[in-house]
Amino acid sequence: MGRQIIFHGDYFIDFYQNLDDKTKLKIQFVLELIKQVDRIPEKFLAPLTGYDRLFEIRVEFQSNIYRIFCCFDEGNLVILFNGFQKKSQKTPKNEIDRAMRLKNEYFKLKKNNDHDKI
């Protein structure tokens, strides 16, 4: 059985809808890989050092680099938070801070059993 991917809010969807079709296909490919492969290569999914349980999905297409933040829940749920196109070597701190805020919000809502808002 593969992993299930769920979304927290519309953050990822808003990012995804603004991409061109070929980039969307590449992101879909990477998401399918994450759903189905037990040990995902770090080329596609890696933990962010210094940030508790926050991961980044890594997508490269043509000369563009995209990052999508996520975390695991209950062993196999991947929650997709914000995504962005990377323009430099370093991941912008404001994007990481936003992802951490969304992750904390997700777990707080889940703890309060407010699944309608997740």
C-alpha atoms as a PDB file:
ATOM      1  CA  MET A   1       0.000   0.000   0.000  1.00  0.00           C
ATOM      2  CA  GLY A   2       1.349   3.413  -0.940  1.00  0.00           C
ATOM      3  CA  ARG A   3       1.248   6.703   0.854  1.00  0.00           C
ATOM      4  CA  GLN A   4      -1.776   8.933   0.705  1.00  0.00           C
ATOM      5  CA  ILE A   5      -1.182  12.586  -0.144  1.00  0.00           C
ATOM      6  CA  ILE A   6      -3.446  15.174   1.383  1.00  0.00           C
ATOM      7  CA  PHE A   7      -3.420  18.958   1.236  1.00  0.00           C
ATOM      8  CA  HIS A   8      -3.618  21.440   4.069  1.00  0.00           C
ATOM      9  CA  GLY A   9      -5.652  24.407   2.866  1.00  0.00           C
ATOM     10  CA  ASP A  10      -5.356  25.655  -0.720  1.00  0.00           C
ATOM     11  CA  TYR A  11      -1.711  26.727  -0.514  1.00  0.00           C
ATOM     12  CA  PHE A  12      -0.322  23.997  -2.749  1.00  0.00           C
ATOM     13  CA  ILE A  13      -3.284  24.125  -5.164  1.00  0.00           C
ATOM     14  CA  ASP A  14      -2.860  27.904  -5.587  1.00  0.00           C
ATOM     15  CA  PHE A  15       0.839  27.405  -6.399  1.00  0.00           C
ATOM     16  CA  TYR A  16       0.194  24.439  -8.710  1.00  0.00           C
ATOM     17  CA  GLN A  17      -2.559  26.091 -10.759  1.00  0.00           C
ATOM     18  CA  ASN A  18      -0.176  28.842 -11.895  1.00  0.00           C
ATOM     19  CA  LEU A  19       2.331  26.423 -13.444  1.00  0.00           C
ATOM     20  CA  ASP A  20       2.536  25.382 -17.085  1.00  0.00           C
ATOM     21  CA  ASP A  21       1.281  21.925 -18.093  1.00  0.00           C
ATOM     22  CA  LYS A  22       4.714  20.311 -18.502  1.00  0.00           C
ATOM     23  CA  THR A  23       5.814  21.467 -15.047  1.00  0.00           C
ATOM     24  CA  LYS A  24       2.561  20.121 -13.602  1.00  0.00           C
ATOM     25  CA  LEU A  25       3.288  16.724 -15.202  1.00  0.00           C
ATOM     26  CA  LYS A  26       6.748  16.638 -13.636  1.00  0.00           C
ATOM     27  CA  ILE A  27       5.298  17.483 -10.209  1.00  0.00           C
ATOM     28  CA  GLN A  28       2.660  14.762 -10.677  1.00  0.00           C
ATOM     29  CA  PHE A  29       5.448  12.295 -11.513  1.00  0.00           C
ATOM     30  CA  VAL A  30       7.346  13.136  -8.322  1.00  0.00           C
ATOM     31  CA  LEU A  31       4.172  12.958  -6.196  1.00  0.00           C
ATOM     32  CA  GLU A  32       3.365   9.515  -7.641  1.00  0.00           C
ATOM     33  CA  LEU A  33       6.896   8.405  -6.805  1.00  0.00           C
ATOM     34  CA  ILE A  34       6.441   9.585  -3.213  1.00  0.00           C
ATOM     35  CA  LYS A  35       3.114   7.744  -3.003  1.00  0.00           C
ATOM     36  CA  GLN A  36       4.486   4.442  -4.276  1.00  0.00           C
ATOM     37  CA  VAL A  37       8.201   4.082  -3.455  1.00  0.00           C
ATOM     38  CA  ASP A  38       9.206   2.923   0.044  1.00  0.00           C
ATOM     39  CA  ARG A  39      12.596   4.630   0.105  1.00  0.00           C
ATOM     40  CA  ILE A  40      12.340   7.895  -1.771  1.00  0.00           C
ATOM     41  CA  PRO A  41      15.686   9.215  -3.086  1.00  0.00           C
ATOM     42  CA  GLU A  42      16.806  12.503  -1.492  1.00  0.00           C
ATOM     43  CA  LYS A  43      16.855  13.947  -4.978  1.00  0.00           C
ATOM     44  CA  PHE A  44      13.047  14.042  -4.687  1.00  0.00           C
ATOM     45  CA  LEU A  45      12.344  14.317  -0.948  1.00  0.00           C
ATOM     46  CA  ALA A  46      14.619  15.524   1.831  1.00  0.00           C
ATOM     47  CA  PRO A  47      14.255  16.683   5.425  1.00  0.00           C
ATOM     48  CA  LEU A  48      15.046  20.316   6.155  1.00  0.00           C
ATOM     49  CA  THR A  49      17.852  20.419   8.689  1.00  0.00           C
ATOM     50  CA  GLY A  50      16.954  22.298  11.843  1.00  0.00           C
ATOM     51  CA  TYR A  51      13.207  22.259  11.220  1.00  0.00           C
ATOM     52  CA  ASP A  52      11.203  19.684  13.137  1.00  0.00           C
ATOM     53  CA  ARG A  53       9.656  17.091  10.795  1.00  0.00           C
ATOM     54  CA  LEU A  54       9.540  19.468   7.819  1.00  0.00           C
ATOM     55  CA  PHE A  55      10.465  18.033   4.430  1.00  0.00           C
ATOM     56  CA  GLU A  56      10.821  19.505   0.983  1.00  0.00           C
ATOM     57  CA  ILE A  57       9.730  17.813  -2.207  1.00  0.00           C
ATOM     58  CA  ARG A  58      12.292  18.635  -4.856  1.00  0.00           C
ATOM     59  CA  VAL A  59      11.239  19.020  -8.469  1.00  0.00           C
ATOM     60  CA  GLU A  60      13.563  20.031 -11.275  1.00  0.00           C
ATOM     61  CA  PHE A  61      12.211  20.700 -14.723  1.00  0.00           C
ATOM     62  CA  GLN A  62      14.211  22.187 -17.572  1.00  0.00           C
ATOM     63  CA  SER A  63      16.342  24.799 -15.813  1.00  0.00           C
ATOM     64  CA  ASN A  64      13.782  25.519 -13.081  1.00  0.00           C
ATOM     65  CA  ILE A  65      13.816  24.242  -9.528  1.00  0.00           C
ATOM     66  CA  TYR A  66      10.643  23.948  -7.467  1.00  0.00           C
ATOM     67  CA  ARG A  67      10.174  23.168  -3.797  1.00  0.00           C
ATOM     68  CA  ILE A  68       7.023  21.976  -2.063  1.00  0.00           C
ATOM     69  CA  PHE A  69       6.973  21.707   1.709  1.00  0.00           C
ATOM     70  CA  CYS A  70       5.377  18.773   3.454  1.00  0.00           C
ATOM     71  CA  CYS A  71       5.477  16.529   6.498  1.00  0.00           C
ATOM     72  CA  PHE A  72       4.401  13.019   7.362  1.00  0.00           C
ATOM     73  CA  ASP A  73       1.455  12.201   9.555  1.00  0.00           C
ATOM     74  CA  GLU A  74       0.524   8.789  10.935  1.00  0.00           C
ATOM     75  CA  GLY A  75       3.349   7.157   9.051  1.00  0.00           C
ATOM     76  CA  ASN A  76       2.156   7.648   5.516  1.00  0.00           C
ATOM     77  CA  LEU A  77       0.146  10.801   5.017  1.00  0.00           C
ATOM     78  CA  VAL A  78       2.033  13.548   3.255  1.00  0.00           C
ATOM     79  CA  ILE A  79       0.572  16.979   3.843  1.00  0.00           C
ATOM     80  CA  LEU A  80       1.416  19.468   1.123  1.00  0.00           C
ATOM     81  CA  PHE A  81       1.883  23.027   2.228  1.00  0.00           C
ATOM     82  CA  ASN A  82       3.244  25.932   0.231  1.00  0.00           C
ATOM     83  CA  GLY A  83       5.337  25.582  -2.910  1.00  0.00           C
ATOM     84  CA  PHE A  84       7.556  28.002  -4.788  1.00  0.00           C
ATOM     85  CA  GLN A  85      10.059  28.289  -7.612  1.00  0.00           C
ATOM     86  CA  LYS A  86      13.582  28.419  -6.275  1.00  0.00           C
ATOM     87  CA  LYS A  87      15.660  31.278  -7.662  1.00  0.00           C
ATOM     88  CA  SER A  88      18.885  30.857  -5.657  1.00  0.00           C
ATOM     89  CA  GLN A  89      20.948  28.186  -3.869  1.00  0.00           C
ATOM     90  CA  LYS A  90      19.422  28.938  -0.501  1.00  0.00           C
ATOM     91  CA  THR A  91      15.775  28.251   0.291  1.00  0.00           C
ATOM     92  CA  PRO A  92      14.218  31.590   1.353  1.00  0.00           C
ATOM     93  CA  LYS A  93      13.677  31.729   5.117  1.00  0.00           C
ATOM     94  CA  ASN A  94      10.238  33.323   4.707  1.00  0.00           C
ATOM     95  CA  GLU A  95       9.089  30.253   2.713  1.00  0.00           C
ATOM     96  CA  ILE A  96      10.404  27.886   5.409  1.00  0.00           C
ATOM     97  CA  ASP A  97       8.796  29.978   8.158  1.00  0.00           C
ATOM     98  CA  ARG A  98       5.496  29.901   6.286  1.00  0.00           C
ATOM     99  CA  ALA A  99       5.714  26.106   5.918  1.00  0.00           C
ATOM    100  CA  MET A 100       6.455  25.679   9.639  1.00  0.00           C
ATOM    101  CA  ARG A 101       3.491  27.904  10.485  1.00  0.00           C
ATOM    102  CA  LEU A 102       1.231  25.823   8.200  1.00  0.00           C
ATOM    103  CA  LYS A 103       2.541  22.550   9.654  1.00  0.00           C
ATOM    104  CA  ASN A 104       1.873  23.734  13.205  1.00  0.00           C
ATOM    105  CA  GLU A 105      -1.581  24.943  12.154  1.00  0.00           C
ATOM    106  CA  TYR A 106      -2.339  21.546  10.580  1.00  0.00           C
ATOM    107  CA  PHE A 107      -1.421  19.583  13.717  1.00  0.00           C
ATOM    108  CA  LYS A 108      -3.231  22.039  15.979  1.00  0.00           C
ATOM    109  CA  LEU A 109      -6.431  21.705  13.921  1.00  0.00           C
ATOM    110  CA  LYS A 110      -6.034  17.935  13.870  1.00  0.00           C
ATOM    111  CA  LYS A 111      -5.518  17.799  17.640  1.00  0.00           C
ATOM    112  CA  ASN A 112      -8.683  19.849  18.109  1.00  0.00           C
ATOM    113  CA  ASN A 113     -10.458  17.438  15.728  1.00  0.00           C
ATOM    114  CA  ASP A 114     -11.411  20.287  13.415  1.00  0.00           C
ATOM    115  CA  HIS A 115     -11.053  18.249  10.210  1.00  0.00           C
ATOM    116  CA  ASP A 116     -13.277  20.580   8.193  1.00  0.00           C
ATOM    117  CA  LYS A 117     -10.557  23.230   8.225  1.00  0.00           C
ATOM    118  CA  ILE A 118      -7.634  20.945   7.389  1.00  0.00           C
END
